Amino acid sequence: MPQDIITFACGECKRRNYNSTKNKKQNPEKLELSKYCKFCRKRTKHKEIK
């Protein structure tokens, strides 16, 4: 199973804060998680980017 590295960007300030891996064949849709942004200093929605 090939694991690809994905990056998450904050929905408010658009800064790239987190990296993770996922199998794009099993999960082709983009992920959206609620994570802490150290630049905004609060929990915000983080979307998967390229």
PDB file of N, CA and C in Angstrom:
ATOM      1  N   MET A   1       0.831  -1.185   0.000  1.00  0.00           N
ATOM      2  CA  MET A   1       0.000   0.000   0.000  1.00  0.00           C
ATOM      3  C   MET A   1       0.881   1.256   0.000  1.00  0.00           C
ATOM      4  N   PRO A   2       0.842   2.046  -1.048  1.00  0.00           N
ATOM      5  CA  PRO A   2       1.667   3.254  -1.093  1.00  0.00           C
ATOM      6  C   PRO A   2       1.058   4.375  -0.246  1.00  0.00           C
ATOM      7  N   GLN A   3       1.855   4.890   0.651  1.00  0.00           N
ATOM      8  CA  GLN A   3       1.432   5.998   1.489  1.00  0.00           C
ATOM      9  C   GLN A   3       2.012   7.283   0.917  1.00  0.00           C
ATOM     10  N   ASP A   4       1.183   8.296   0.715  1.00  0.00           N
ATOM     11  CA  ASP A   4       1.622   9.577   0.190  1.00  0.00           C
ATOM     12  C   ASP A   4       1.607  10.615   1.301  1.00  0.00           C
ATOM     13  N   ILE A   5       2.580  11.515   1.273  1.00  0.00           N
ATOM     14  CA  ILE A   5       2.645  12.585   2.265  1.00  0.00           C
ATOM     15  C   ILE A   5       1.700  13.698   1.835  1.00  0.00           C
ATOM     16  N   ILE A   6       0.870  14.151   2.775  1.00  0.00           N
ATOM     17  CA  ILE A   6      -0.044  15.258   2.517  1.00  0.00           C
ATOM     18  C   ILE A   6       0.246  16.373   3.517  1.00  0.00           C
ATOM     19  N   THR A   7      -0.118  17.593   3.152  1.00  0.00           N
ATOM     20  CA  THR A   7       0.112  18.764   3.984  1.00  0.00           C
ATOM     21  C   THR A   7      -1.226  19.417   4.288  1.00  0.00           C
ATOM     22  N   PHE A   8      -1.372  19.913   5.510  1.00  0.00           N
ATOM     23  CA  PHE A   8      -2.588  20.605   5.918  1.00  0.00           C
ATOM     24  C   PHE A   8      -2.309  22.095   6.071  1.00  0.00           C
ATOM     25  N   ALA A   9      -3.224  22.932   5.580  1.00  0.00           N
ATOM     26  CA  ALA A   9      -3.113  24.377   5.698  1.00  0.00           C
ATOM     27  C   ALA A   9      -4.304  24.902   6.487  1.00  0.00           C
ATOM     28  N   CYS A  10      -4.054  25.909   7.304  1.00  0.00           N
ATOM     29  CA  CYS A  10      -5.100  26.538   8.107  1.00  0.00           C
ATOM     30  C   CYS A  10      -6.126  27.199   7.191  1.00  0.00           C
ATOM     31  N   GLY A  11      -7.393  27.082   7.531  1.00  0.00           N
ATOM     32  CA  GLY A  11      -8.446  27.684   6.737  1.00  0.00           C
ATOM     33  C   GLY A  11      -8.529  29.189   6.881  1.00  0.00           C
ATOM     34  N   GLU A  12      -7.991  29.747   7.955  1.00  0.00           N
ATOM     35  CA  GLU A  12      -8.069  31.188   8.181  1.00  0.00           C
ATOM     36  C   GLU A  12      -6.829  31.927   7.692  1.00  0.00           C
ATOM     37  N   CYS A  13      -5.650  31.505   8.155  1.00  0.00           N
ATOM     38  CA  CYS A  13      -4.425  32.232   7.785  1.00  0.00           C
ATOM     39  C   CYS A  13      -3.706  31.597   6.597  1.00  0.00           C
ATOM     40  N   LYS A  14      -4.141  30.419   6.141  1.00  0.00           N
ATOM     41  CA  LYS A  14      -3.600  29.699   4.977  1.00  0.00           C
ATOM     42  C   LYS A  14      -2.159  29.223   5.151  1.00  0.00           C
ATOM     43  N   ARG A  15      -1.647  29.210   6.372  1.00  0.00           N
ATOM     44  CA  ARG A  15      -0.287  28.727   6.596  1.00  0.00           C
ATOM     45  C   ARG A  15      -0.282  27.218   6.707  1.00  0.00           C
ATOM     46  N   ARG A  16       0.792  26.606   6.238  1.00  0.00           N
ATOM     47  CA  ARG A  16       0.926  25.148   6.247  1.00  0.00           C
ATOM     48  C   ARG A  16       1.522  24.713   7.575  1.00  0.00           C
ATOM     49  N   ASN A  17       0.737  23.997   8.381  1.00  0.00           N
ATOM     50  CA  ASN A  17       1.129  23.677   9.747  1.00  0.00           C
ATOM     51  C   ASN A  17       1.433  22.210   9.989  1.00  0.00           C
ATOM     52  N   TYR A  18       0.725  21.312   9.334  1.00  0.00           N
ATOM     53  CA  TYR A  18       0.820  19.890   9.663  1.00  0.00           C
ATOM     54  C   TYR A  18       1.092  19.049   8.425  1.00  0.00           C
ATOM     55  N   ASN A  19       1.779  17.926   8.637  1.00  0.00           N
ATOM     56  CA  ASN A  19       2.004  16.922   7.597  1.00  0.00           C
ATOM     57  C   ASN A  19       1.477  15.587   8.108  1.00  0.00           C
ATOM     58  N   SER A  20       1.044  14.750   7.177  1.00  0.00           N
ATOM     59  CA  SER A  20       0.550  13.432   7.532  1.00  0.00           C
ATOM     60  C   SER A  20       0.691  12.538   6.306  1.00  0.00           C
ATOM     61  N   THR A  21       0.266  11.294   6.429  1.00  0.00           N
ATOM     62  CA  THR A  21       0.275  10.378   5.290  1.00  0.00           C
ATOM     63  C   THR A  21      -1.109   9.784   5.114  1.00  0.00           C
ATOM     64  N   LYS A  22      -1.397   9.404   3.879  1.00  0.00           N
ATOM     65  CA  LYS A  22      -2.645   8.692   3.606  1.00  0.00           C
ATOM     66  C   LYS A  22      -2.495   7.909   2.317  1.00  0.00           C
ATOM     67  N   ASN A  23      -3.332   6.900   2.158  1.00  0.00           N
ATOM     68  CA  ASN A  23      -3.382   6.109   0.945  1.00  0.00           C
ATOM     69  C   ASN A  23      -4.420   6.754   0.023  1.00  0.00           C
ATOM     70  N   LYS A  24      -3.953   7.362  -1.060  1.00  0.00           N
ATOM     71  CA  LYS A  24      -4.853   8.100  -1.950  1.00  0.00           C
ATOM     72  C   LYS A  24      -5.763   7.187  -2.770  1.00  0.00           C
ATOM     73  N   LYS A  25      -5.405   5.914  -2.888  1.00  0.00           N
ATOM     74  CA  LYS A  25      -6.284   4.992  -3.616  1.00  0.00           C
ATOM     75  C   LYS A  25      -7.501   4.622  -2.775  1.00  0.00           C
ATOM     76  N   GLN A  26      -7.323   4.481  -1.467  1.00  0.00           N
ATOM     77  CA  GLN A  26      -8.444   4.135  -0.592  1.00  0.00           C
ATOM     78  C   GLN A  26      -9.256   5.360  -0.203  1.00  0.00           C
ATOM     79  N   ASN A  27      -8.604   6.536  -0.097  1.00  0.00           N
ATOM     80  CA  ASN A  27      -9.274   7.773   0.309  1.00  0.00           C
ATOM     81  C   ASN A  27      -8.971   8.872  -0.702  1.00  0.00           C
ATOM     82  N   PRO A  28      -9.671   8.901  -1.840  1.00  0.00           N
ATOM     83  CA  PRO A  28      -9.347   9.890  -2.868  1.00  0.00           C
ATOM     84  C   PRO A  28      -9.797  11.314  -2.526  1.00  0.00           C
ATOM     85  N   GLU A  29     -10.784  11.464  -1.631  1.00  0.00           N
ATOM     86  CA  GLU A  29     -11.276  12.809  -1.293  1.00  0.00           C
ATOM     87  C   GLU A  29     -10.301  13.522  -0.360  1.00  0.00           C
ATOM     88  N   LYS A  30     -10.350  14.855  -0.367  1.00  0.00           N
ATOM     89  CA  LYS A  30      -9.453  15.653   0.476  1.00  0.00           C
ATOM     90  C   LYS A  30      -9.954  15.660   1.916  1.00  0.00           C
ATOM     91  N   LEU A  31      -9.017  15.589   2.851  1.00  0.00           N
ATOM     92  CA  LEU A  31      -9.350  15.587   4.268  1.00  0.00           C
ATOM     93  C   LEU A  31      -9.519  17.004   4.792  1.00  0.00           C
ATOM     94  N   GLU A  32     -10.375  17.150   5.800  1.00  0.00           N
ATOM     95  CA  GLU A  32     -10.531  18.416   6.500  1.00  0.00           C
ATOM     96  C   GLU A  32     -10.663  18.095   7.983  1.00  0.00           C
ATOM     97  N   LEU A  33      -9.707  18.582   8.784  1.00  0.00           N
ATOM     98  CA  LEU A  33      -9.666  18.283  10.205  1.00  0.00           C
ATOM     99  C   LEU A  33      -9.648  19.564  11.014  1.00  0.00           C
ATOM    100  N   SER A  34     -10.127  19.481  12.250  1.00  0.00           N
ATOM    101  CA  SER A  34     -10.036  20.600  13.173  1.00  0.00           C
ATOM    102  C   SER A  34      -8.770  20.418  13.998  1.00  0.00           C
ATOM    103  N   LYS A  35      -7.803  21.320  13.798  1.00  0.00           N
ATOM    104  CA  LYS A  35      -6.520  21.228  14.493  1.00  0.00           C
ATOM    105  C   LYS A  35      -6.131  22.600  15.035  1.00  0.00           C
ATOM    106  N   TYR A  36      -5.156  22.602  15.955  1.00  0.00           N
ATOM    107  CA  TYR A  36      -4.698  23.854  16.552  1.00  0.00           C
ATOM    108  C   TYR A  36      -3.718  24.561  15.611  1.00  0.00           C
ATOM    109  N   CYS A  37      -3.933  25.853  15.385  1.00  0.00           N
ATOM    110  CA  CYS A  37      -3.027  26.668  14.575  1.00  0.00           C
ATOM    111  C   CYS A  37      -2.242  27.569  15.515  1.00  0.00           C
ATOM    112  N   LYS A  38      -0.921  27.421  15.528  1.00  0.00           N
ATOM    113  CA  LYS A  38      -0.101  28.219  16.439  1.00  0.00           C
ATOM    114  C   LYS A  38      -0.003  29.674  16.004  1.00  0.00           C
ATOM    115  N   PHE A  39      -0.321  29.970  14.750  1.00  0.00           N
ATOM    116  CA  PHE A  39      -0.287  31.346  14.271  1.00  0.00           C
ATOM    117  C   PHE A  39      -1.573  32.091  14.635  1.00  0.00           C
ATOM    118  N   CYS A  40      -2.727  31.411  14.529  1.00  0.00           N
ATOM    119  CA  CYS A  40      -4.017  32.008  14.916  1.00  0.00           C
ATOM    120  C   CYS A  40      -4.260  31.876  16.417  1.00  0.00           C
ATOM    121  N   ARG A  41      -3.538  30.944  17.064  1.00  0.00           N
ATOM    122  CA  ARG A  41      -3.674  30.634  18.487  1.00  0.00           C
ATOM    123  C   ARG A  41      -5.073  30.143  18.854  1.00  0.00           C
ATOM    124  N   LYS A  42      -5.649  29.301  17.986  1.00  0.00           N
ATOM    125  CA  LYS A  42      -6.939  28.672  18.264  1.00  0.00           C
ATOM    126  C   LYS A  42      -7.124  27.473  17.341  1.00  0.00           C
ATOM    127  N   ARG A  43      -8.167  26.691  17.614  1.00  0.00           N
ATOM    128  CA  ARG A  43      -8.495  25.542  16.772  1.00  0.00           C
ATOM    129  C   ARG A  43      -9.247  26.033  15.548  1.00  0.00           C
ATOM    130  N   THR A  44      -8.771  25.629  14.383  1.00  0.00           N
ATOM    131  CA  THR A  44      -9.400  26.016  13.124  1.00  0.00           C
ATOM    132  C   THR A  44      -9.497  24.793  12.214  1.00  0.00           C
ATOM    133  N   LYS A  45     -10.256  24.920  11.150  1.00  0.00           N
ATOM    134  CA  LYS A  45     -10.337  23.863  10.155  1.00  0.00           C
ATOM    135  C   LYS A  45      -9.069  23.877   9.319  1.00  0.00           C
ATOM    136  N   HIS A  46      -8.456  22.718   9.159  1.00  0.00           N
ATOM    137  CA  HIS A  46      -7.262  22.568   8.335  1.00  0.00           C
ATOM    138  C   HIS A  46      -7.620  21.660   7.154  1.00  0.00           C
ATOM    139  N   LYS A  47      -7.346  22.129   5.935  1.00  0.00           N
ATOM    140  CA  LYS A  47      -7.670  21.380   4.728  1.00  0.00           C
ATOM    141  C   LYS A  47      -6.414  20.813   4.108  1.00  0.00           C
ATOM    142  N   GLU A  48      -6.585  19.659   3.491  1.00  0.00           N
ATOM    143  CA  GLU A  48      -5.470  19.018   2.783  1.00  0.00           C
ATOM    144  C   GLU A  48      -5.157  19.810   1.502  1.00  0.00           C
ATOM    145  N   ILE A  49      -3.866  20.061   1.295  1.00  0.00           N
ATOM    146  CA  ILE A  49      -3.426  20.708   0.053  1.00  0.00           C
ATOM    147  C   ILE A  49      -2.411  19.802  -0.615  1.00  0.00           C
ATOM    148  N   LYS A  50      -1.949  20.184  -1.804  1.00  0.00           N
ATOM    149  CA  LYS A  50      -0.976  19.364  -2.529  1.00  0.00           C
ATOM    150  C   LYS A  50       0.356  19.340  -1.851  1.00  0.00           C
TER     151      LYS A  50
END
